[in-house]
């Protein structure tokens, strides 16, 4: 028998548009095949993915289209900063080509 514990894949998609809402909100979430579909859509549209199991667990408790609570702003801001940094690097690489 394997000592490896099976962990079901889970994914959460966030969106933030300051003209539409006060904070980021959950726009998609799911486990298993739904998580695979969310990740495939992200890859298809070149959306960066950040893995943080603890944050996914917390965000998974929210309903779809629910804004994240203020207690999670710092953690989510770090994710958005990570994505912004990747976008900047990607833009620089495209300009060099």
N, C-alpha and C. Protein backbone atom coordinates (compact mmCIF):
# COMPACT_ATOMS: atom_id res chain seq x y z
N UNK A 1 0.83 -1.19 0.00
CA UNK A 1 0.00 0.00 0.00
C UNK A 1 0.87 1.24 0.00
N UNK A 2 0.36 2.26 -0.58
CA UNK A 2 1.07 3.53 -0.64
C UNK A 2 0.77 4.37 0.60
N UNK A 3 1.81 5.03 1.09
CA UNK A 3 1.63 5.95 2.22
C UNK A 3 1.16 7.32 1.75
N UNK A 4 1.13 7.50 0.44
CA UNK A 4 0.76 8.78 -0.13
C UNK A 4 -0.75 8.99 0.00
N UNK A 5 -1.13 10.11 0.57
CA UNK A 5 -2.54 10.43 0.74
C UNK A 5 -3.06 11.11 -0.53
N UNK A 6 -4.20 10.65 -1.02
CA UNK A 6 -4.81 11.25 -2.20
C UNK A 6 -5.48 12.56 -1.80
N UNK A 7 -5.15 13.61 -2.52
CA UNK A 7 -5.77 14.91 -2.30
C UNK A 7 -6.49 15.30 -3.57
N UNK A 8 -7.77 15.52 -3.45
CA UNK A 8 -8.57 15.90 -4.61
C UNK A 8 -8.23 17.33 -5.01
N UNK A 9 -7.98 17.51 -6.31
CA UNK A 9 -7.63 18.81 -6.83
C UNK A 9 -8.81 19.77 -6.66
N UNK A 10 -8.48 21.00 -6.28
CA UNK A 10 -9.49 22.04 -6.12
C UNK A 10 -8.95 23.32 -6.74
N UNK A 11 -9.83 24.10 -7.38
CA UNK A 11 -9.41 25.35 -8.00
C UNK A 11 -10.45 26.42 -7.74
N UNK A 12 -9.95 27.65 -7.59
CA UNK A 12 -10.79 28.82 -7.38
C UNK A 12 -10.32 29.87 -8.38
N UNK A 13 -11.26 30.51 -9.07
CA UNK A 13 -10.93 31.61 -9.98
C UNK A 13 -11.46 32.90 -9.38
N UNK A 14 -10.58 33.90 -9.36
CA UNK A 14 -10.94 35.21 -8.82
C UNK A 14 -10.97 36.24 -9.94
N UNK A 15 -11.76 37.26 -9.72
CA UNK A 15 -11.81 38.38 -10.64
C UNK A 15 -11.85 39.66 -9.83
N UNK A 16 -11.20 40.69 -10.36
CA UNK A 16 -11.27 41.99 -9.68
C UNK A 16 -11.37 43.09 -10.71
N UNK A 17 -12.45 43.82 -10.63
CA UNK A 17 -12.67 44.99 -11.47
C UNK A 17 -13.13 46.10 -10.53
N UNK A 18 -12.24 47.06 -10.24
CA UNK A 18 -12.57 48.08 -9.25
C UNK A 18 -13.78 48.94 -9.61
N UNK A 19 -14.13 48.98 -10.88
CA UNK A 19 -15.31 49.76 -11.26
C UNK A 19 -16.61 49.00 -11.01
N UNK A 20 -16.51 47.68 -10.81
CA UNK A 20 -17.71 46.87 -10.60
C UNK A 20 -17.94 46.47 -9.15
N UNK A 21 -16.87 46.28 -8.37
CA UNK A 21 -17.04 45.83 -6.99
C UNK A 21 -15.93 46.38 -6.12
N UNK A 22 -16.19 46.36 -4.82
CA UNK A 22 -15.22 46.90 -3.86
C UNK A 22 -13.98 46.02 -3.73
N UNK A 23 -14.12 44.73 -3.98
CA UNK A 23 -12.99 43.83 -3.83
C UNK A 23 -13.09 42.67 -4.79
N UNK A 24 -12.06 41.83 -4.80
CA UNK A 24 -12.08 40.64 -5.66
C UNK A 24 -13.23 39.72 -5.28
N UNK A 25 -13.71 38.96 -6.26
CA UNK A 25 -14.79 38.02 -5.98
C UNK A 25 -14.49 36.68 -6.63
N UNK A 26 -15.14 35.65 -6.11
CA UNK A 26 -15.01 34.29 -6.61
C UNK A 26 -15.90 34.16 -7.84
N UNK A 27 -15.31 33.85 -8.99
CA UNK A 27 -16.10 33.71 -10.21
C UNK A 27 -16.24 32.27 -10.68
N UNK A 28 -15.42 31.38 -10.14
CA UNK A 28 -15.54 29.95 -10.45
C UNK A 28 -14.84 29.17 -9.34
N UNK A 29 -15.37 27.99 -9.05
CA UNK A 29 -14.73 27.13 -8.07
C UNK A 29 -15.19 25.70 -8.30
N UNK A 30 -14.34 24.77 -7.94
CA UNK A 30 -14.73 23.38 -8.09
C UNK A 30 -13.62 22.43 -7.70
N UNK A 31 -13.99 21.17 -7.63
CA UNK A 31 -13.06 20.10 -7.27
C UNK A 31 -13.05 19.06 -8.38
N UNK A 32 -12.00 18.25 -8.42
CA UNK A 32 -11.92 17.15 -9.37
C UNK A 32 -11.96 17.63 -10.81
N UNK A 33 -12.89 17.11 -11.58
CA UNK A 33 -12.98 17.45 -13.00
C UNK A 33 -13.32 18.91 -13.23
N UNK A 34 -14.10 19.50 -12.33
CA UNK A 34 -14.42 20.92 -12.46
C UNK A 34 -13.15 21.74 -12.26
N UNK A 35 -12.34 21.36 -11.28
CA UNK A 35 -11.06 22.05 -11.07
C UNK A 35 -10.17 21.90 -12.30
N UNK A 36 -10.15 20.71 -12.88
CA UNK A 36 -9.37 20.50 -14.11
C UNK A 36 -9.85 21.43 -15.22
N UNK A 37 -11.15 21.59 -15.34
CA UNK A 37 -11.73 22.46 -16.36
C UNK A 37 -11.35 23.92 -16.12
N UNK A 38 -11.41 24.36 -14.86
CA UNK A 38 -11.02 25.74 -14.53
C UNK A 38 -9.56 25.97 -14.90
N UNK A 39 -8.70 25.02 -14.56
CA UNK A 39 -7.27 25.15 -14.87
C UNK A 39 -7.01 25.09 -16.37
N UNK A 40 -7.77 24.28 -17.09
CA UNK A 40 -7.63 24.21 -18.55
C UNK A 40 -8.04 25.53 -19.19
N UNK A 41 -9.13 26.12 -18.70
CA UNK A 41 -9.58 27.42 -19.23
C UNK A 41 -8.52 28.49 -18.95
N UNK A 42 -7.93 28.45 -17.77
CA UNK A 42 -6.88 29.41 -17.44
C UNK A 42 -5.70 29.26 -18.41
N UNK A 43 -5.30 28.03 -18.65
CA UNK A 43 -4.18 27.79 -19.57
C UNK A 43 -4.52 28.24 -20.98
N UNK A 44 -5.74 27.95 -21.41
CA UNK A 44 -6.17 28.32 -22.76
C UNK A 44 -6.15 29.83 -22.98
N UNK A 45 -6.42 30.58 -21.92
CA UNK A 45 -6.48 32.04 -22.02
C UNK A 45 -5.25 32.73 -21.43
N UNK A 46 -4.19 31.93 -21.22
CA UNK A 46 -2.92 32.45 -20.70
C UNK A 46 -3.08 33.18 -19.37
N UNK A 47 -3.95 32.68 -18.53
CA UNK A 47 -4.14 33.24 -17.19
C UNK A 47 -3.19 32.52 -16.25
N UNK A 48 -2.33 33.27 -15.56
CA UNK A 48 -1.39 32.63 -14.63
C UNK A 48 -2.13 31.92 -13.49
N UNK A 49 -1.54 30.85 -13.01
CA UNK A 49 -2.11 30.08 -11.91
C UNK A 49 -1.14 30.13 -10.75
N UNK A 50 -1.67 30.42 -9.58
CA UNK A 50 -0.87 30.46 -8.35
C UNK A 50 -1.41 29.38 -7.43
N UNK A 51 -0.54 28.50 -6.96
CA UNK A 51 -0.97 27.41 -6.09
C UNK A 51 -0.76 27.76 -4.63
N UNK A 52 -1.84 27.75 -3.87
CA UNK A 52 -1.79 27.99 -2.43
C UNK A 52 -2.94 27.21 -1.80
N UNK A 53 -2.67 25.97 -1.39
CA UNK A 53 -3.74 25.11 -0.86
C UNK A 53 -4.51 25.72 0.31
N UNK A 54 -3.82 26.45 1.18
CA UNK A 54 -4.50 27.06 2.32
C UNK A 54 -5.48 28.14 1.87
N UNK A 55 -5.05 28.95 0.92
CA UNK A 55 -5.93 30.01 0.41
C UNK A 55 -7.11 29.41 -0.35
N UNK A 56 -6.86 28.36 -1.12
CA UNK A 56 -7.94 27.69 -1.84
C UNK A 56 -8.98 27.15 -0.86
N UNK A 57 -8.51 26.59 0.23
CA UNK A 57 -9.43 26.06 1.23
C UNK A 57 -10.32 27.17 1.80
N UNK A 58 -9.72 28.31 2.11
CA UNK A 58 -10.50 29.44 2.65
C UNK A 58 -11.46 30.01 1.61
N UNK A 59 -10.96 30.21 0.39
CA UNK A 59 -11.82 30.78 -0.66
C UNK A 59 -12.91 29.81 -1.09
N UNK A 60 -12.66 28.51 -0.95
CA UNK A 60 -13.64 27.50 -1.30
C UNK A 60 -14.90 27.56 -0.44
N UNK A 61 -14.81 28.22 0.70
CA UNK A 61 -15.96 28.35 1.59
C UNK A 61 -16.91 29.47 1.13
N UNK A 62 -16.45 30.29 0.19
CA UNK A 62 -17.28 31.39 -0.31
C UNK A 62 -18.20 30.91 -1.42
N UNK A 63 -19.29 31.63 -1.62
CA UNK A 63 -20.21 31.34 -2.71
C UNK A 63 -19.72 32.00 -3.99
N UNK A 64 -20.20 31.50 -5.13
CA UNK A 64 -19.88 32.14 -6.41
C UNK A 64 -20.37 33.58 -6.40
N UNK A 65 -19.60 34.46 -7.01
CA UNK A 65 -19.87 35.89 -7.11
C UNK A 65 -19.85 36.61 -5.77
N UNK A 66 -19.36 35.92 -4.73
CA UNK A 66 -19.22 36.56 -3.42
C UNK A 66 -17.87 37.25 -3.35
N UNK A 67 -17.87 38.49 -2.87
CA UNK A 67 -16.61 39.20 -2.66
C UNK A 67 -15.86 38.56 -1.51
N UNK A 68 -14.54 38.59 -1.62
CA UNK A 68 -13.75 38.00 -0.56
C UNK A 68 -13.83 38.88 0.69
N UNK A 69 -13.76 38.29 1.87
CA UNK A 69 -13.80 39.08 3.09
C UNK A 69 -12.49 39.86 3.28
N UNK A 70 -12.58 40.96 3.98
CA UNK A 70 -11.41 41.82 4.19
C UNK A 70 -10.25 41.06 4.83
N UNK A 71 -10.54 40.04 5.63
CA UNK A 71 -9.47 39.28 6.29
C UNK A 71 -8.56 38.59 5.27
N UNK A 72 -9.06 38.37 4.06
CA UNK A 72 -8.26 37.68 3.04
C UNK A 72 -7.64 38.65 2.03
N UNK A 73 -7.87 39.95 2.19
CA UNK A 73 -7.33 40.92 1.24
C UNK A 73 -5.82 40.81 1.08
N UNK A 74 -5.09 40.68 2.18
CA UNK A 74 -3.63 40.62 2.11
C UNK A 74 -3.17 39.41 1.30
N UNK A 75 -3.74 38.25 1.58
CA UNK A 75 -3.35 37.03 0.87
C UNK A 75 -3.69 37.13 -0.61
N UNK A 76 -4.87 37.65 -0.92
CA UNK A 76 -5.29 37.77 -2.32
C UNK A 76 -4.47 38.86 -3.02
N UNK A 77 -4.13 39.92 -2.31
CA UNK A 77 -3.29 40.97 -2.90
C UNK A 77 -1.94 40.40 -3.31
N UNK A 78 -1.41 39.47 -2.51
CA UNK A 78 -0.14 38.83 -2.86
C UNK A 78 -0.28 37.99 -4.12
N UNK A 79 -1.41 37.35 -4.29
CA UNK A 79 -1.66 36.57 -5.51
C UNK A 79 -1.73 37.50 -6.72
N UNK A 80 -2.49 38.59 -6.58
CA UNK A 80 -2.60 39.54 -7.69
C UNK A 80 -1.25 40.19 -7.99
N UNK A 81 -0.43 40.45 -6.98
CA UNK A 81 0.91 40.99 -7.21
C UNK A 81 1.77 39.99 -7.98
N UNK A 82 1.65 38.71 -7.62
CA UNK A 82 2.36 37.64 -8.33
C UNK A 82 1.96 37.63 -9.80
N UNK A 83 0.67 37.71 -10.06
CA UNK A 83 0.16 37.70 -11.43
C UNK A 83 0.62 38.95 -12.19
N UNK A 84 0.55 40.10 -11.52
CA UNK A 84 1.00 41.34 -12.15
C UNK A 84 2.47 41.24 -12.54
N UNK A 85 3.28 40.68 -11.65
CA UNK A 85 4.71 40.51 -11.92
C UNK A 85 4.92 39.60 -13.13
N UNK A 86 4.16 38.50 -13.21
CA UNK A 86 4.27 37.61 -14.36
C UNK A 86 3.87 38.31 -15.65
N UNK A 87 2.79 39.09 -15.60
CA UNK A 87 2.35 39.85 -16.78
C UNK A 87 3.42 40.83 -17.23
N UNK A 88 4.07 41.50 -16.28
CA UNK A 88 5.13 42.44 -16.61
C UNK A 88 6.29 41.73 -17.29
N UNK A 89 6.70 40.59 -16.73
CA UNK A 89 7.80 39.83 -17.32
C UNK A 89 7.44 39.32 -18.71
N UNK A 90 6.22 38.86 -18.86
CA UNK A 90 5.77 38.37 -20.17
C UNK A 90 5.80 39.50 -21.19
N UNK A 91 5.36 40.68 -20.79
CA UNK A 91 5.39 41.84 -21.68
C UNK A 91 6.79 42.22 -22.08
N UNK A 92 7.73 42.15 -21.14
CA UNK A 92 9.12 42.45 -21.44
C UNK A 92 9.70 41.43 -22.42
N UNK A 93 9.39 40.19 -22.23
CA UNK A 93 9.88 39.14 -23.14
C UNK A 93 9.32 39.33 -24.54
N UNK A 94 8.05 39.72 -24.65
CA UNK A 94 7.45 39.93 -25.97
C UNK A 94 8.11 41.13 -26.67
N UNK A 95 8.43 42.16 -25.92
CA UNK A 95 9.05 43.35 -26.52
C UNK A 95 10.46 43.05 -27.02
N UNK A 96 11.15 42.11 -26.38
CA UNK A 96 12.51 41.75 -26.77
C UNK A 96 12.56 40.96 -28.07
N UNK A 97 11.47 40.27 -28.37
CA UNK A 97 11.46 39.39 -29.57
C UNK A 97 11.32 40.18 -30.83
